[in-house]
Protein backbone atom coordinates (compact mmCIF):
# COMPACT_ATOMS: atom_id res chain seq x y z
CA MET A 1 -13.09 -12.78 18.61
CA GLY A 2 -10.23 -11.51 16.34
CA PHE A 3 -10.52 -12.09 12.35
CA THR A 4 -7.46 -13.44 10.46
CA SER A 5 -6.74 -12.79 7.20
CA SER A 6 -6.34 -15.56 4.43
CA PHE A 7 -4.21 -13.21 2.79
CA THR A 8 0.19 -12.83 3.13
CA LEU A 9 1.97 -10.42 1.48
CA VAL A 10 5.21 -11.47 0.47
CA LYS A 11 8.05 -9.24 -0.67
CA GLN A 12 10.57 -9.89 -3.13
CA THR A 13 12.08 -6.39 -4.27
CA ASN A 14 11.81 -2.73 -3.56
CA ARG A 15 10.07 -0.42 -5.58
CA ILE A 16 11.34 3.39 -5.91
CA ASN A 17 9.41 6.50 -4.90
CA ASP A 18 8.74 9.00 -6.98
CA TYR A 19 5.98 10.15 -5.90
CA THR A 20 5.33 13.80 -3.89
CA LEU A 21 2.43 14.65 -1.97
CA ASN A 22 0.69 18.04 -3.58
CA LYS A 23 0.61 20.94 -1.26
CA GLU A 24 -3.34 20.10 -0.85
CA LEU A 25 -2.51 16.16 0.43
CA ARG A 26 0.05 17.64 2.45
CA GLU A 27 -1.71 20.13 4.46
CA LYS A 28 -4.37 17.67 4.68
CA VAL A 29 -2.14 15.04 6.27
CA GLU A 30 -0.74 17.39 8.43
CA LYS A 31 -3.87 18.14 9.91
CA GLU A 32 -5.74 15.15 9.89
CA THR A 33 -3.10 12.99 11.88
CA SER A 34 -1.67 15.19 14.19
CA GLY A 35 -0.97 13.64 17.46
CA MET A 36 -1.47 10.01 16.12
CA ASP A 37 0.70 7.49 16.76
CA GLU A 38 2.84 4.84 14.28
CA MET A 39 -0.05 2.66 14.06
CA ALA A 40 -2.47 5.39 13.91
CA ILE A 41 -0.63 6.56 10.93
CA LEU A 42 -0.14 3.08 8.83
CA ASN A 43 -3.74 2.21 8.84
CA TYR A 44 -4.64 6.12 7.93
CA SER A 45 -2.12 5.74 5.18
CA ILE A 46 -3.94 3.05 3.84
CA ASN A 47 -7.21 4.40 4.62
CA THR A 48 -6.50 7.70 2.35
CA ALA A 49 -4.50 6.13 -0.27
CA ALA A 50 -7.75 4.24 -0.94
CA SER A 51 -10.40 6.71 -0.54
CA TYR A 52 -8.41 9.44 -3.05
CA LEU A 53 -7.51 6.73 -5.66
CA SER A 54 -9.81 4.79 -7.87
CA PHE A 55 -8.33 1.62 -9.37
CA THR A 56 -7.23 1.71 -12.99
CA GLU A 57 -4.50 0.00 -15.44
CA LYS A 58 -2.55 2.89 -15.56
CA ASN A 59 -1.29 5.24 -12.56
CA ASN A 60 -2.20 9.35 -12.73
CA ILE A 61 -2.26 9.50 -8.69
CA ASN A 62 -3.23 13.07 -8.94
CA LYS A 63 -5.79 12.67 -11.45
CA HIS A 64 -6.99 9.96 -8.70
CA GLN A 65 -6.22 6.63 -10.99
CA ALA A 66 -4.00 4.36 -9.87
CA ASN A 67 -3.29 -0.02 -10.00
CA CYS A 68 -1.66 -0.99 -7.01
CA VAL A 69 2.15 0.60 -7.93
CA GLY A 70 0.45 3.90 -7.56
CA TYR A 71 -1.49 2.65 -4.26
CA ALA A 72 1.64 2.17 -2.49
CA LYS A 73 3.39 5.00 -3.90
CA LEU A 74 0.54 7.34 -2.98
CA CYS A 75 0.39 5.23 0.86
CA SER A 76 3.70 5.41 1.66
CA SER A 77 4.51 9.29 0.96
CA ILE A 78 1.25 9.41 3.20
CA CYS A 79 2.90 7.57 5.81
CA ASN A 80 6.33 9.26 5.74
CA TYR A 81 5.05 12.79 5.66
CA ALA A 82 2.71 11.94 8.55
CA LEU A 83 5.39 10.49 10.34
CA LYS A 84 7.75 13.39 9.33
CA VAL A 85 5.11 16.36 11.10
CA ASN A 86 4.23 14.57 13.96
CA ARG A 87 8.23 13.79 14.95
CA LEU A 88 8.03 9.94 14.66
CA ALA A 89 10.33 7.57 13.66
CA GLY A 90 9.97 5.15 11.19
CA ASN A 91 9.62 5.02 7.28
CA ALA A 92 7.61 3.33 4.14
CA LYS A 93 8.28 2.34 1.08
CA PRO A 94 6.50 0.82 -2.01
CA ALA A 95 7.26 -3.08 -2.22
CA VAL A 96 7.11 -5.74 -5.06
CA GLY A 97 6.04 -9.40 -4.18
CA TYR A 98 3.05 -11.27 -4.66
CA VAL A 99 -0.26 -11.73 -2.36
CA LYS A 100 -0.75 -15.91 -1.27
CA PHE A 101 -3.98 -16.52 -0.33
CA ASN A 102 -4.62 -19.71 1.66
CA GLY A 103 -1.00 -20.92 0.26
CA ILE A 104 -0.99 -20.06 -3.09
CA ASN A 105 1.04 -17.43 -5.24
CA THR A 106 -2.48 -15.25 -6.38
CA CYS A 107 -0.31 -14.11 -9.24
CA THR A 108 0.90 -17.55 -10.64
CA VAL A 109 -2.54 -18.09 -10.52
CA LEU A 110 -4.17 -15.11 -12.28
CA LYS A 111 -1.18 -15.38 -15.09
CA ASN A 112 -2.67 -18.48 -15.94
CA ILE A 113 -5.84 -17.13 -16.32
CA VAL A 114 -6.05 -13.54 -17.70
CA PRO A 115 -5.91 -12.84 -21.78
CA LYS A 116 -2.40 -12.26 -22.89
CA LYS A 117 -2.43 -8.79 -22.65
CA TYR A 118 -2.72 -9.14 -19.02
CA LYS A 119 -0.22 -11.68 -18.01
CA LEU A 120 2.61 -8.47 -17.09
CA PHE A 121 -0.09 -7.02 -15.40
CA VAL A 122 -0.38 -9.18 -12.87
CA SER A 123 2.83 -11.11 -13.01
CA ASN A 124 3.52 -9.62 -9.64
CA HIS A 125 2.08 -6.80 -6.91
CA ASP A 126 3.00 -4.08 -5.06
CA PHE A 127 2.18 -3.06 -1.24
CA VAL A 128 3.87 -0.81 1.41
CA GLU A 129 6.35 -1.88 3.55
CA PHE A 130 6.20 0.09 7.23
CA HIS A 131 9.40 0.26 9.08
CA PHE A 132 8.30 1.17 12.92
CA GLY A 133 11.66 0.07 15.32
CA ASN A 134 12.51 -3.51 14.34
CA GLN A 135 8.94 -3.99 13.36
CA ILE A 136 8.10 -4.99 9.94
CA ILE A 137 4.74 -4.71 8.43
CA TYR A 138 3.55 -4.80 5.21
CA ALA A 139 0.10 -3.91 3.85
CA ASP A 140 -1.99 -3.18 0.66
CA PRO A 141 -4.04 -0.16 -0.17
CA CYS A 142 -4.83 -1.40 -2.97
CA ALA A 143 -6.56 -4.94 -1.89
CA TYR A 144 -8.54 -2.62 1.11
CA ASP A 145 -9.70 -0.45 -1.56
CA LEU A 146 -10.91 -3.66 -3.71
CA ILE A 147 -11.83 -6.22 -1.31
CA GLY A 148 -12.01 -4.45 2.13
CA ASP A 149 -9.08 -6.39 3.73
CA LYS A 150 -5.54 -4.71 4.31
CA CYS A 151 -3.95 -8.19 4.23
CA ILE A 152 -1.07 -7.20 7.17
CA THR A 153 1.55 -9.26 7.50
CA TYR A 154 3.78 -8.98 10.00
CA ASN A 155 7.29 -10.26 9.47
């Protein structure tokens, strides 16, 4: 019996990824992804970003702190480097959008209930857009870290 998430990731736009993996992470990724296929690398990227980071309001990836923007940047950088060193086609990039839970835009709900100083913070949500051949997959390393659900959406 399979598990189907009640979460759907909806992309609105792209986010530029200006994060570059440090030497330690590049070495770790190269060693640990040797021989993996694209889907294994996707899962590895999500798991590694989630274990490397702790959620916080401000991003400082090198100090292991990030919000959803940092999680998406780190995860996509890990994936792209792993694909490169394993000579596989595909890519990953941060995407901006929102999470639907049972058909409801969670960002809209949060904007209506959070204190004023957090309204901009919850106005959208970043996740990762993976491209493998003709397949586009959205997944959320931040949600995986916080609630244990990768919120994978196939487009």
